[in-house]
Amino acid sequence: MLSENPDNPTGLLALANEYGKAGRDEDEAAVLDRYVATHDYERTVRQRTSYIRFRASLTEHGVERVEVASA
């Protein structure tokens, strides 16, 4: 899908999702950044990218997991 159209929103989100499942946070965030650069109207993706970068920074600093309680 992305080989035919590198900015395909469905392809970018699918690729980011696969990186997320594999635990490749930096790659997932990079693909979501690419998505936002071409589809900046998508607020949810911008929020997800911020969360992934935050989670990756915790891992880099030795924090394995943070549980967030939902209200």
C-alpha atoms as a PDB file:
ATOM      1  CA  MET A   1       0.000   0.000   0.000  1.00  0.00           C
ATOM      2  CA  LEU A   2       2.768   2.437   0.949  1.00  0.00           C
ATOM      3  CA  SER A   3       4.906   1.486  -2.040  1.00  0.00           C
ATOM      4  CA  GLU A   4       2.168   2.827  -4.327  1.00  0.00           C
ATOM      5  CA  ASN A   5       1.348   5.875  -2.171  1.00  0.00           C
ATOM      6  CA  PRO A   6       3.838   6.706   0.621  1.00  0.00           C
ATOM      7  CA  ASP A   7       1.313   9.082   2.243  1.00  0.00           C
ATOM      8  CA  ASN A   8      -1.562   6.596   2.311  1.00  0.00           C
ATOM      9  CA  PRO A   9      -3.199   7.194   5.717  1.00  0.00           C
ATOM     10  CA  THR A  10      -4.405   3.612   6.140  1.00  0.00           C
ATOM     11  CA  GLY A  11      -0.999   2.212   5.242  1.00  0.00           C
ATOM     12  CA  LEU A  12       0.829   4.549   7.603  1.00  0.00           C
ATOM     13  CA  LEU A  13      -1.472   3.717  10.511  1.00  0.00           C
ATOM     14  CA  ALA A  14      -1.213  -0.009   9.784  1.00  0.00           C
ATOM     15  CA  LEU A  15       2.591   0.186   9.709  1.00  0.00           C
ATOM     16  CA  ALA A  16       2.656   2.172  12.951  1.00  0.00           C
ATOM     17  CA  ASN A  17       0.362  -0.403  14.536  1.00  0.00           C
ATOM     18  CA  GLU A  18       2.679  -3.250  13.536  1.00  0.00           C
ATOM     19  CA  TYR A  19       5.688  -1.418  14.962  1.00  0.00           C
ATOM     20  CA  GLY A  20       3.712  -0.902  18.163  1.00  0.00           C
ATOM     21  CA  LYS A  21       2.918  -4.608  18.442  1.00  0.00           C
ATOM     22  CA  ALA A  22       6.611  -5.386  17.981  1.00  0.00           C
ATOM     23  CA  GLY A  23       7.581  -2.960  20.756  1.00  0.00           C
ATOM     24  CA  ARG A  24       9.441  -0.693  18.327  1.00  0.00           C
ATOM     25  CA  ASP A  25       8.331   2.583  19.908  1.00  0.00           C
ATOM     26  CA  GLU A  26      10.728   4.877  18.052  1.00  0.00           C
ATOM     27  CA  ASP A  27       9.759   3.405  14.677  1.00  0.00           C
ATOM     28  CA  GLU A  28       6.078   3.654  15.571  1.00  0.00           C
ATOM     29  CA  ALA A  29       6.466   7.296  16.577  1.00  0.00           C
ATOM     30  CA  ALA A  30       8.439   8.075  13.408  1.00  0.00           C
ATOM     31  CA  VAL A  31       5.690   6.657  11.201  1.00  0.00           C
ATOM     32  CA  LEU A  32       3.032   8.556  13.161  1.00  0.00           C
ATOM     33  CA  ASP A  33       5.100  11.743  12.757  1.00  0.00           C
ATOM     34  CA  ARG A  34       5.104  11.065   9.013  1.00  0.00           C
ATOM     35  CA  TYR A  35       1.328  10.622   9.136  1.00  0.00           C
ATOM     36  CA  VAL A  36       0.822  13.889  11.005  1.00  0.00           C
ATOM     37  CA  ALA A  37       3.094  15.741   8.569  1.00  0.00           C
ATOM     38  CA  THR A  38       0.747  14.855   5.713  1.00  0.00           C
ATOM     39  CA  HIS A  39      -2.545  14.558   7.611  1.00  0.00           C
ATOM     40  CA  ASP A  40      -2.193  17.136  10.384  1.00  0.00           C
ATOM     41  CA  TYR A  41      -5.945  17.357  10.950  1.00  0.00           C
ATOM     42  CA  GLU A  42      -5.757  14.090  12.892  1.00  0.00           C
ATOM     43  CA  ARG A  43      -5.502  15.140  16.552  1.00  0.00           C
ATOM     44  CA  THR A  44      -5.746  11.579  17.891  1.00  0.00           C
ATOM     45  CA  VAL A  45      -2.608  10.526  16.032  1.00  0.00           C
ATOM     46  CA  ARG A  46      -0.692  13.523  17.387  1.00  0.00           C
ATOM     47  CA  GLN A  47      -1.729  12.535  20.906  1.00  0.00           C
ATOM     48  CA  ARG A  48      -0.728   8.909  20.330  1.00  0.00           C
ATOM     49  CA  THR A  49       2.669   9.983  19.020  1.00  0.00           C
ATOM     50  CA  SER A  50       3.283  12.054  22.149  1.00  0.00           C
ATOM     51  CA  TYR A  51       2.291   9.119  24.347  1.00  0.00           C
ATOM     52  CA  ILE A  52       4.605   6.719  22.486  1.00  0.00           C
ATOM     53  CA  ARG A  53       7.539   9.115  22.775  1.00  0.00           C
ATOM     54  CA  PHE A  54       6.818   9.502  26.511  1.00  0.00           C
ATOM     55  CA  ARG A  55       6.662   5.720  26.961  1.00  0.00           C
ATOM     56  CA  ALA A  56       9.916   5.298  25.040  1.00  0.00           C
ATOM     57  CA  SER A  57      11.642   7.911  27.195  1.00  0.00           C
ATOM     58  CA  LEU A  58      10.620   6.023  30.340  1.00  0.00           C
ATOM     59  CA  THR A  59      12.090   2.819  28.946  1.00  0.00           C
ATOM     60  CA  GLU A  60      15.339   4.624  28.160  1.00  0.00           C
ATOM     61  CA  HIS A  61      15.529   5.775  31.782  1.00  0.00           C
ATOM     62  CA  GLY A  62      14.965   2.332  33.279  1.00  0.00           C
ATOM     63  CA  VAL A  63      11.262   2.618  34.019  1.00  0.00           C
ATOM     64  CA  GLU A  64       9.679  -0.522  32.625  1.00  0.00           C
ATOM     65  CA  ARG A  65       5.977   0.257  32.760  1.00  0.00           C
ATOM     66  CA  VAL A  66       3.673   2.953  33.984  1.00  0.00           C
ATOM     67  CA  GLU A  67       0.027   2.200  34.543  1.00  0.00           C
ATOM     68  CA  VAL A  68      -2.365   5.048  33.865  1.00  0.00           C
ATOM     69  CA  ALA A  69      -5.719   4.933  35.599  1.00  0.00           C
ATOM     70  CA  SER A  70      -8.584   6.005  33.425  1.00  0.00           C
ATOM     71  CA  ALA A  71     -11.266   8.212  34.910  1.00  0.00           C
END
